[in-house]
Amino acid sequence: MSYVDKNLNAGEKVAFRTTLHPIVFLATAIIAVLAMAFLIQRATRDIGYFILGLALLVGAYTAIWYSTSEFAVTTSRVIIKIGWLSQRTVELQLSKVEGIVVEQGIIGRLFDYGSIIVGGTGGTKEPFALIRAPIAFRKQVQQQIESNAPASTASAASAARVEREC
């Protein structure tokens, strides 16, 4: 069972989930290709095996990081958890979210990943990098905030616009 599912409040439902983007495995792939280049030649095989071992260690670390990272928008909160043995968690009530900043470069736009910065009241700013579908994450936060807004504020705004005869 995931961290998000274990920590849902009564009546709270998950509206959106995302993970880290698979681009986090790019460094592992590059190191593995480098290892293969050294393994091809007999004179450099020892170096190739060392680099391959390094690729396996980096890959194992990245796989744990990837599989233990959760990003969710619920009907009342934003919940983010990264890590396994050492965890970093952010649980922010939607009413306390001031904004979600999305940062994407050209490659991020092409492959739909980027960084988000969750801004909360009191100046809290929590950055998270290499998120899959960051714009969809922000959109879901905005939709949940709008759906949780009290109906009285909409009717009060329209009532304030009533014109009277003099």
N, C-alpha and C. Protein backbone atom coordinates (compact mmCIF):
# COMPACT_ATOMS: atom_id res chain seq x y z
N MET A 1 0.85 -1.17 0.00
CA MET A 1 0.00 0.00 0.00
C MET A 1 0.89 1.24 0.00
N SER A 2 0.53 2.21 -0.79
CA SER A 2 1.36 3.40 -0.94
C SER A 2 1.19 4.35 0.26
N TYR A 3 2.14 5.25 0.39
CA TYR A 3 2.11 6.25 1.46
C TYR A 3 0.83 7.08 1.37
N VAL A 4 0.48 7.50 0.17
CA VAL A 4 -0.72 8.32 -0.02
C VAL A 4 -1.96 7.57 0.44
N ASP A 5 -2.11 6.32 0.01
CA ASP A 5 -3.29 5.53 0.38
C ASP A 5 -3.36 5.30 1.89
N LYS A 6 -2.21 5.11 2.54
CA LYS A 6 -2.20 4.89 3.98
C LYS A 6 -2.58 6.13 4.77
N ASN A 7 -2.35 7.31 4.19
CA ASN A 7 -2.53 8.56 4.93
C ASN A 7 -3.72 9.39 4.48
N LEU A 8 -4.67 8.77 3.80
CA LEU A 8 -5.89 9.48 3.42
C LEU A 8 -6.78 9.66 4.65
N ASN A 9 -7.39 10.83 4.75
CA ASN A 9 -8.36 11.08 5.82
C ASN A 9 -9.70 10.47 5.45
N ALA A 10 -10.60 10.40 6.41
CA ALA A 10 -11.93 9.86 6.15
C ALA A 10 -12.64 10.72 5.10
N GLY A 11 -13.16 10.07 4.08
CA GLY A 11 -13.88 10.76 3.02
C GLY A 11 -13.00 11.41 1.96
N GLU A 12 -11.72 11.37 2.16
CA GLU A 12 -10.78 11.98 1.20
C GLU A 12 -10.50 11.00 0.07
N LYS A 13 -10.47 11.51 -1.17
CA LYS A 13 -10.21 10.67 -2.33
C LYS A 13 -9.05 11.25 -3.14
N VAL A 14 -8.31 10.39 -3.81
CA VAL A 14 -7.22 10.83 -4.66
C VAL A 14 -7.80 11.29 -5.99
N ALA A 15 -7.50 12.53 -6.37
CA ALA A 15 -7.99 13.08 -7.64
C ALA A 15 -6.96 12.90 -8.75
N PHE A 16 -5.66 12.88 -8.40
CA PHE A 16 -4.60 12.78 -9.41
C PHE A 16 -3.34 12.23 -8.76
N ARG A 17 -2.66 11.36 -9.47
CA ARG A 17 -1.37 10.82 -9.03
C ARG A 17 -0.37 10.97 -10.16
N THR A 18 0.88 11.17 -9.79
CA THR A 18 1.95 11.12 -10.76
C THR A 18 3.21 10.62 -10.06
N THR A 19 4.24 10.42 -10.84
CA THR A 19 5.49 9.88 -10.32
C THR A 19 6.64 10.71 -10.87
N LEU A 20 7.83 10.26 -10.57
CA LEU A 20 8.98 10.83 -11.25
C LEU A 20 8.94 10.38 -12.71
N HIS A 21 9.54 11.14 -13.57
CA HIS A 21 9.58 10.78 -14.99
C HIS A 21 10.70 9.75 -15.21
N PRO A 22 10.52 8.81 -16.14
CA PRO A 22 11.57 7.82 -16.40
C PRO A 22 12.89 8.43 -16.88
N ILE A 23 12.92 9.70 -17.19
CA ILE A 23 14.16 10.37 -17.59
C ILE A 23 15.21 10.28 -16.48
N VAL A 24 14.79 10.00 -15.25
CA VAL A 24 15.74 9.87 -14.14
C VAL A 24 16.72 8.72 -14.38
N PHE A 25 16.37 7.79 -15.28
CA PHE A 25 17.25 6.66 -15.59
C PHE A 25 18.26 6.98 -16.68
N LEU A 26 18.25 8.20 -17.20
CA LEU A 26 19.15 8.57 -18.29
C LEU A 26 20.62 8.45 -17.88
N ALA A 27 20.98 8.90 -16.70
CA ALA A 27 22.38 8.80 -16.25
C ALA A 27 22.83 7.35 -16.18
N THR A 28 21.97 6.47 -15.69
CA THR A 28 22.29 5.05 -15.63
C THR A 28 22.53 4.49 -17.03
N ALA A 29 21.69 4.87 -17.97
CA ALA A 29 21.83 4.39 -19.35
C ALA A 29 23.13 4.89 -19.97
N ILE A 30 23.48 6.13 -19.73
CA ILE A 30 24.73 6.67 -20.27
C ILE A 30 25.94 5.96 -19.69
N ILE A 31 25.94 5.71 -18.39
CA ILE A 31 27.05 5.00 -17.75
C ILE A 31 27.13 3.56 -18.29
N ALA A 32 26.00 2.91 -18.50
CA ALA A 32 25.99 1.54 -19.03
C ALA A 32 26.54 1.50 -20.46
N VAL A 33 26.19 2.46 -21.28
CA VAL A 33 26.72 2.52 -22.66
C VAL A 33 28.23 2.74 -22.63
N LEU A 34 28.68 3.60 -21.73
CA LEU A 34 30.11 3.82 -21.58
C LEU A 34 30.82 2.53 -21.17
N ALA A 35 30.22 1.79 -20.25
CA ALA A 35 30.79 0.52 -19.81
C ALA A 35 30.89 -0.46 -20.98
N MET A 36 29.85 -0.52 -21.80
CA MET A 36 29.87 -1.42 -22.96
C MET A 36 30.98 -1.04 -23.95
N ALA A 37 31.21 0.25 -24.10
CA ALA A 37 32.29 0.71 -24.99
C ALA A 37 33.64 0.21 -24.50
N PHE A 38 33.86 0.20 -23.19
CA PHE A 38 35.12 -0.32 -22.64
C PHE A 38 35.17 -1.84 -22.67
N LEU A 39 34.03 -2.50 -22.52
CA LEU A 39 34.00 -3.96 -22.51
C LEU A 39 34.26 -4.57 -23.88
N ILE A 40 34.03 -3.83 -24.94
CA ILE A 40 34.23 -4.35 -26.30
C ILE A 40 35.69 -4.68 -26.54
N GLN A 41 36.58 -3.85 -26.06
CA GLN A 41 38.01 -4.07 -26.29
C GLN A 41 38.62 -4.86 -25.14
N ARG A 42 39.42 -5.84 -25.51
CA ARG A 42 40.03 -6.72 -24.52
C ARG A 42 40.94 -5.96 -23.56
N ALA A 43 41.64 -4.95 -24.01
CA ALA A 43 42.61 -4.22 -23.18
C ALA A 43 41.93 -3.37 -22.10
N THR A 44 40.70 -3.01 -22.29
CA THR A 44 40.03 -2.12 -21.33
C THR A 44 38.87 -2.80 -20.59
N ARG A 45 38.84 -4.12 -20.61
CA ARG A 45 37.71 -4.82 -19.97
C ARG A 45 37.63 -4.58 -18.46
N ASP A 46 38.78 -4.51 -17.79
CA ASP A 46 38.74 -4.27 -16.34
C ASP A 46 38.07 -2.93 -16.02
N ILE A 47 38.38 -1.91 -16.79
CA ILE A 47 37.74 -0.61 -16.62
C ILE A 47 36.26 -0.72 -16.93
N GLY A 48 35.93 -1.47 -17.98
CA GLY A 48 34.54 -1.67 -18.37
C GLY A 48 33.73 -2.34 -17.28
N TYR A 49 34.31 -3.35 -16.62
CA TYR A 49 33.60 -4.02 -15.52
C TYR A 49 33.39 -3.08 -14.34
N PHE A 50 34.39 -2.26 -14.07
CA PHE A 50 34.26 -1.29 -12.99
C PHE A 50 33.12 -0.30 -13.30
N ILE A 51 33.11 0.22 -14.51
CA ILE A 51 32.08 1.18 -14.90
C ILE A 51 30.70 0.51 -14.92
N LEU A 52 30.65 -0.76 -15.34
CA LEU A 52 29.37 -1.49 -15.33
C LEU A 52 28.87 -1.66 -13.90
N GLY A 53 29.77 -1.95 -12.96
CA GLY A 53 29.38 -2.04 -11.55
C GLY A 53 28.84 -0.70 -11.05
N LEU A 54 29.49 0.38 -11.48
CA LEU A 54 29.03 1.72 -11.12
C LEU A 54 27.62 1.96 -11.69
N ALA A 55 27.39 1.54 -12.93
CA ALA A 55 26.07 1.70 -13.55
C ALA A 55 25.02 0.92 -12.77
N LEU A 56 25.37 -0.27 -12.29
CA LEU A 56 24.42 -1.06 -11.50
C LEU A 56 24.08 -0.37 -10.17
N LEU A 57 25.09 0.20 -9.52
CA LEU A 57 24.83 0.91 -8.26
C LEU A 57 23.96 2.15 -8.49
N VAL A 58 24.30 2.93 -9.50
CA VAL A 58 23.52 4.13 -9.81
C VAL A 58 22.10 3.73 -10.21
N GLY A 59 21.98 2.65 -10.99
CA GLY A 59 20.66 2.17 -11.41
C GLY A 59 19.81 1.70 -10.24
N ALA A 60 20.43 0.99 -9.29
CA ALA A 60 19.69 0.53 -8.11
C ALA A 60 19.21 1.71 -7.27
N TYR A 61 20.09 2.69 -7.07
CA TYR A 61 19.71 3.89 -6.31
C TYR A 61 18.55 4.62 -7.01
N THR A 62 18.67 4.77 -8.31
CA THR A 62 17.64 5.48 -9.08
C THR A 62 16.32 4.72 -9.06
N ALA A 63 16.38 3.40 -9.16
CA ALA A 63 15.15 2.59 -9.14
C ALA A 63 14.43 2.73 -7.79
N ILE A 64 15.19 2.75 -6.71
CA ILE A 64 14.58 2.94 -5.39
C ILE A 64 13.97 4.33 -5.28
N TRP A 65 14.69 5.34 -5.74
CA TRP A 65 14.19 6.72 -5.73
C TRP A 65 12.92 6.84 -6.56
N TYR A 66 12.94 6.23 -7.74
CA TYR A 66 11.78 6.28 -8.64
C TYR A 66 10.56 5.59 -8.03
N SER A 67 10.77 4.40 -7.48
CA SER A 67 9.63 3.61 -6.99
C SER A 67 9.10 4.10 -5.64
N THR A 68 9.86 4.90 -4.92
CA THR A 68 9.39 5.37 -3.62
C THR A 68 8.96 6.83 -3.62
N SER A 69 8.83 7.41 -4.80
CA SER A 69 8.38 8.80 -4.91
C SER A 69 6.92 8.84 -5.32
N GLU A 70 6.13 9.59 -4.59
CA GLU A 70 4.69 9.70 -4.87
C GLU A 70 4.28 11.17 -4.85
N PHE A 71 3.44 11.53 -5.80
CA PHE A 71 2.92 12.89 -5.90
C PHE A 71 1.42 12.74 -6.12
N ALA A 72 0.62 13.30 -5.23
CA ALA A 72 -0.83 13.14 -5.34
C ALA A 72 -1.56 14.42 -4.96
N VAL A 73 -2.69 14.59 -5.63
CA VAL A 73 -3.63 15.66 -5.28
C VAL A 73 -4.89 14.94 -4.84
N THR A 74 -5.34 15.23 -3.63
CA THR A 74 -6.57 14.63 -3.12
C THR A 74 -7.66 15.69 -3.13
N THR A 75 -8.80 15.31 -2.64
CA THR A 75 -9.91 16.26 -2.59
C THR A 75 -9.68 17.36 -1.56
N SER A 76 -8.67 17.19 -0.68
CA SER A 76 -8.43 18.24 0.32
C SER A 76 -6.96 18.61 0.52
N ARG A 77 -6.01 17.84 -0.06
CA ARG A 77 -4.59 18.09 0.19
C ARG A 77 -3.73 17.83 -1.03
N VAL A 78 -2.51 18.35 -0.97
CA VAL A 78 -1.43 17.96 -1.87
C VAL A 78 -0.51 17.11 -1.02
N ILE A 79 -0.22 15.88 -1.47
CA ILE A 79 0.64 14.97 -0.72
C ILE A 79 1.80 14.57 -1.61
N ILE A 80 3.02 14.81 -1.12
CA ILE A 80 4.23 14.45 -1.86
C ILE A 80 5.14 13.71 -0.91
N LYS A 81 5.65 12.56 -1.36
CA LYS A 81 6.57 11.76 -0.56
C LYS A 81 7.70 11.29 -1.45
N ILE A 82 8.93 11.51 -1.00
CA ILE A 82 10.10 11.06 -1.73
C ILE A 82 11.00 10.33 -0.74
N GLY A 83 11.48 9.18 -1.14
CA GLY A 83 12.46 8.46 -0.33
C GLY A 83 11.92 7.22 0.32
N TRP A 84 12.85 6.41 0.80
CA TRP A 84 12.49 5.14 1.43
C TRP A 84 13.02 5.12 2.85
N LEU A 85 14.33 5.00 3.02
CA LEU A 85 14.89 4.99 4.37
C LEU A 85 14.89 6.39 4.97
N SER A 86 15.28 7.35 4.17
CA SER A 86 15.20 8.75 4.59
C SER A 86 14.13 9.39 3.72
N GLN A 87 13.06 9.83 4.34
CA GLN A 87 11.90 10.35 3.60
C GLN A 87 11.79 11.86 3.71
N ARG A 88 11.27 12.43 2.65
CA ARG A 88 10.88 13.84 2.64
C ARG A 88 9.42 13.87 2.25
N THR A 89 8.59 14.40 3.12
CA THR A 89 7.15 14.44 2.83
C THR A 89 6.64 15.86 2.97
N VAL A 90 5.67 16.17 2.12
CA VAL A 90 4.97 17.44 2.18
C VAL A 90 3.48 17.11 2.09
N GLU A 91 2.73 17.56 3.05
CA GLU A 91 1.28 17.42 3.04
C GLU A 91 0.72 18.81 3.31
N LEU A 92 0.10 19.39 2.30
CA LEU A 92 -0.36 20.76 2.37
C LEU A 92 -1.85 20.82 2.05
N GLN A 93 -2.62 21.40 2.96
CA GLN A 93 -4.04 21.57 2.73
C GLN A 93 -4.24 22.45 1.49
N LEU A 94 -5.22 22.11 0.66
CA LEU A 94 -5.48 22.89 -0.54
C LEU A 94 -5.78 24.35 -0.21
N SER A 95 -6.41 24.59 0.93
CA SER A 95 -6.71 25.97 1.32
C SER A 95 -5.45 26.76 1.63
N LYS A 96 -4.33 26.09 1.88
CA LYS A 96 -3.07 26.75 2.19
C LYS A 96 -2.14 26.87 0.98
N VAL A 97 -2.55 26.33 -0.16
CA VAL A 97 -1.73 26.40 -1.37
C VAL A 97 -1.95 27.75 -2.02
N GLU A 98 -0.86 28.51 -2.17
CA GLU A 98 -0.95 29.80 -2.85
C GLU A 98 -0.70 29.66 -4.33
N GLY A 99 0.08 28.67 -4.72
CA GLY A 99 0.35 28.48 -6.14
C GLY A 99 1.30 27.31 -6.38
N ILE A 100 1.28 26.84 -7.61
CA ILE A 100 2.19 25.79 -8.05
C ILE A 100 2.94 26.37 -9.25
N VAL A 101 4.25 26.48 -9.13
CA VAL A 101 5.08 26.96 -10.24
C VAL A 101 5.59 25.74 -10.98
N VAL A 102 5.47 25.77 -12.31
CA VAL A 102 5.98 24.69 -13.15
C VAL A 102 7.15 25.24 -13.96
N GLU A 103 8.28 24.54 -13.91
CA GLU A 103 9.44 24.92 -14.71
C GLU A 103 9.76 23.78 -15.66
N GLN A 104 9.74 24.07 -16.96
CA GLN A 104 10.03 23.08 -17.98
C GLN A 104 10.92 23.70 -19.04
N GLY A 105 11.96 22.99 -19.41
CA GLY A 105 12.77 23.39 -20.54
C GLY A 105 12.17 22.81 -21.82
N ILE A 106 12.88 22.97 -22.92
CA ILE A 106 12.39 22.46 -24.20
C ILE A 106 12.25 20.94 -24.16
N ILE A 107 13.26 20.26 -23.66
CA ILE A 107 13.22 18.79 -23.58
C ILE A 107 12.11 18.36 -22.63
N GLY A 108 11.95 19.07 -21.55
CA GLY A 108 10.87 18.76 -20.60
C GLY A 108 9.50 18.90 -21.23
N ARG A 109 9.32 19.93 -22.05
CA ARG A 109 8.04 20.10 -22.75
C ARG A 109 7.80 18.96 -23.73
N LEU A 110 8.86 18.54 -24.42
CA LEU A 110 8.72 17.45 -25.40
C LEU A 110 8.36 16.13 -24.73
N PHE A 111 8.99 15.85 -23.60
CA PHE A 111 8.78 14.56 -22.93
C PHE A 111 7.86 14.65 -21.71
N ASP A 112 7.24 15.80 -21.48
CA ASP A 112 6.26 16.02 -20.42
C ASP A 112 6.81 15.73 -19.03
N TYR A 113 7.91 16.42 -18.70
CA TYR A 113 8.42 16.38 -17.33
C TYR A 113 8.95 17.77 -16.98
N GLY A 114 9.12 18.01 -15.71
CA GLY A 114 9.64 19.29 -15.26
C GLY A 114 9.71 19.35 -13.75
N SER A 115 9.94 20.53 -13.26
CA SER A 115 10.01 20.76 -11.82
C SER A 115 8.77 21.53 -11.39
N ILE A 116 8.34 21.24 -10.18
CA ILE A 116 7.24 22.01 -9.59
C ILE A 116 7.75 22.62 -8.29
N ILE A 117 7.23 23.79 -7.99
CA ILE A 117 7.50 24.43 -6.71
C ILE A 117 6.14 24.71 -6.09
N VAL A 118 5.87 24.03 -4.98
CA VAL A 118 4.59 24.19 -4.29
C VAL A 118 4.74 25.33 -3.31
N GLY A 119 3.96 26.39 -3.53
CA GLY A 119 4.00 27.56 -2.65
C GLY A 119 2.82 27.54 -1.71
N GLY A 120 3.13 27.60 -0.43
CA GLY A 120 2.08 27.62 0.58
C GLY A 120 2.05 28.94 1.32
N THR A 121 1.00 29.13 2.10
CA THR A 121 0.91 30.35 2.90
C THR A 121 2.06 30.38 3.89
N GLY A 122 2.47 31.58 4.25
CA GLY A 122 3.59 31.71 5.18
C GLY A 122 4.93 31.65 4.48
N GLY A 123 4.95 31.70 3.16
CA GLY A 123 6.21 31.71 2.43
C GLY A 123 6.83 30.35 2.18
N THR A 124 6.13 29.27 2.49
CA THR A 124 6.64 27.94 2.26
C THR A 124 6.77 27.69 0.76
N LYS A 125 7.97 27.28 0.32
CA LYS A 125 8.18 26.93 -1.07
C LYS A 125 8.92 25.60 -1.12
N GLU A 126 8.27 24.59 -1.66
CA GLU A 126 8.84 23.24 -1.72
C GLU A 126 9.10 22.86 -3.17
N PRO A 127 10.38 22.75 -3.59
CA PRO A 127 10.67 22.37 -4.97
C PRO A 127 10.81 20.84 -5.14
N PHE A 128 10.34 20.35 -6.29
CA PHE A 128 10.47 18.93 -6.63
C PHE A 128 10.81 18.84 -8.11
N ALA A 129 11.87 18.12 -8.44
CA ALA A 129 12.36 18.06 -9.82
C ALA A 129 12.00 16.75 -10.50
N LEU A 130 12.01 16.79 -11.82
CA LEU A 130 11.83 15.63 -12.69
C LEU A 130 10.49 14.92 -12.50
N ILE A 131 9.43 15.70 -12.36
CA ILE A 131 8.08 15.18 -12.15
C ILE A 131 7.44 14.89 -13.50
N ARG A 132 6.77 13.76 -13.60
CA ARG A 132 6.00 13.44 -14.79
C ARG A 132 4.71 14.27 -14.76
N ALA A 133 4.35 14.84 -15.90
CA ALA A 133 3.10 15.60 -16.09
C ALA A 133 2.93 16.73 -15.07
N PRO A 134 3.89 17.66 -14.97
CA PRO A 134 3.76 18.72 -13.97
C PRO A 134 2.61 19.70 -14.24
N ILE A 135 2.31 19.93 -15.51
CA ILE A 135 1.21 20.85 -15.82
C ILE A 135 -0.13 20.24 -15.44
N ALA A 136 -0.28 18.93 -15.67
CA ALA A 136 -1.51 18.25 -15.25
C ALA A 136 -1.63 18.26 -13.72
N PHE A 137 -0.51 18.12 -13.03
CA PHE A 137 -0.51 18.18 -11.56
C PHE A 137 -1.03 19.54 -11.11
N ARG A 138 -0.47 20.62 -11.67
CA ARG A 138 -0.91 21.97 -11.31
C ARG A 138 -2.39 22.18 -11.63
N LYS A 139 -2.82 21.69 -12.79
CA LYS A 139 -4.22 21.84 -13.19
C LYS A 139 -5.15 21.14 -12.20
N GLN A 140 -4.76 19.96 -11.74
CA GLN A 140 -5.60 19.24 -10.78
C GLN A 140 -5.66 19.97 -9.44
N VAL A 141 -4.55 20.55 -9.02
CA VAL A 141 -4.57 21.33 -7.78
C VAL A 141 -5.55 22.49 -7.92
N GLN A 142 -5.47 23.19 -9.05
CA GLN A 142 -6.38 24.32 -9.28
C GLN A 142 -7.84 23.87 -9.33
N GLN A 143 -8.11 22.74 -9.98
CA GLN A 143 -9.48 22.24 -10.06
C GLN A 143 -10.01 21.86 -8.68
N GLN A 144 -9.18 21.22 -7.88
CA GLN A 144 -9.62 20.83 -6.54
C GLN A 144 -9.85 22.05 -5.66
N ILE A 145 -9.01 23.07 -5.79
CA ILE A 145 -9.21 24.29 -5.02
C ILE A 145 -10.54 24.94 -5.42
N GLU A 146 -10.81 25.00 -6.72
CA GLU A 146 -12.07 25.59 -7.20
C GLU A 146 -13.27 24.78 -6.76
N SER A 147 -13.18 23.46 -6.79
CA SER A 147 -14.33 22.63 -6.40
C SER A 147 -14.56 22.67 -4.89
N ASN A 148 -13.51 22.97 -4.12
CA ASN A 148 -13.67 23.06 -2.66
C ASN A 148 -14.06 24.45 -2.20
N ALA A 149 -14.03 25.43 -3.12
CA ALA A 149 -14.39 26.80 -2.74
C ALA A 149 -15.86 26.84 -2.34
N PRO A 150 -16.18 27.52 -1.27
CA PRO A 150 -17.57 27.59 -0.84
C PRO A 150 -18.44 28.28 -1.88
N ALA A 151 -19.64 27.78 -2.07
CA ALA A 151 -20.58 28.34 -3.05
C ALA A 151 -21.00 29.74 -2.64
N SER A 152 -20.90 30.06 -1.37
CA SER A 152 -21.33 31.38 -0.90
C SER A 152 -20.47 32.50 -1.47
N THR A 153 -19.18 32.23 -1.77
CA THR A 153 -18.34 33.29 -2.33
C THR A 153 -18.77 33.62 -3.75
N ALA A 154 -19.22 32.63 -4.51
CA ALA A 154 -19.70 32.91 -5.87
C ALA A 154 -21.00 33.69 -5.82
N SER A 155 -21.91 33.32 -4.91
CA SER A 155 -23.18 34.04 -4.83
C SER A 155 -22.99 35.44 -4.23
N ALA A 156 -22.02 35.61 -3.34
CA ALA A 156 -21.74 36.92 -2.76
C ALA A 156 -21.17 37.85 -3.82
N ALA A 157 -20.36 37.31 -4.72
CA ALA A 157 -19.80 38.13 -5.78
C ALA A 157 -20.89 38.59 -6.74
N SER A 158 -21.82 37.71 -7.05
CA SER A 158 -22.90 38.11 -7.96
C SER A 158 -23.88 39.04 -7.26
N ALA A 159 -24.08 38.89 -5.96
CA ALA A 159 -24.99 39.76 -5.22
C ALA A 159 -24.43 41.16 -5.09
N ALA A 160 -23.12 41.28 -5.04
CA ALA A 160 -22.51 42.59 -4.91
C ALA A 160 -22.67 43.39 -6.19
N ARG A 161 -22.99 42.76 -7.27
CA ARG A 161 -23.12 43.40 -8.57
C ARG A 161 -24.53 43.89 -8.83
N VAL A 162 -25.44 43.70 -7.92
CA VAL A 162 -26.82 44.13 -8.10
C VAL A 162 -26.88 45.66 -8.15
N GLU A 163 -27.54 46.19 -9.19
CA GLU A 163 -27.67 47.63 -9.33
C GLU A 163 -29.00 48.06 -8.79
N ARG A 164 -29.02 49.23 -8.16
CA ARG A 164 -30.25 49.76 -7.59
C ARG A 164 -30.63 51.06 -8.30
N GLU A 165 -31.93 51.33 -8.32
CA GLU A 165 -32.41 52.60 -8.89
C GLU A 165 -32.27 53.68 -7.84
N CYS A 166 -32.02 54.89 -8.30
CA CYS A 166 -31.89 56.00 -7.38
C CYS A 166 -33.18 56.75 -7.21
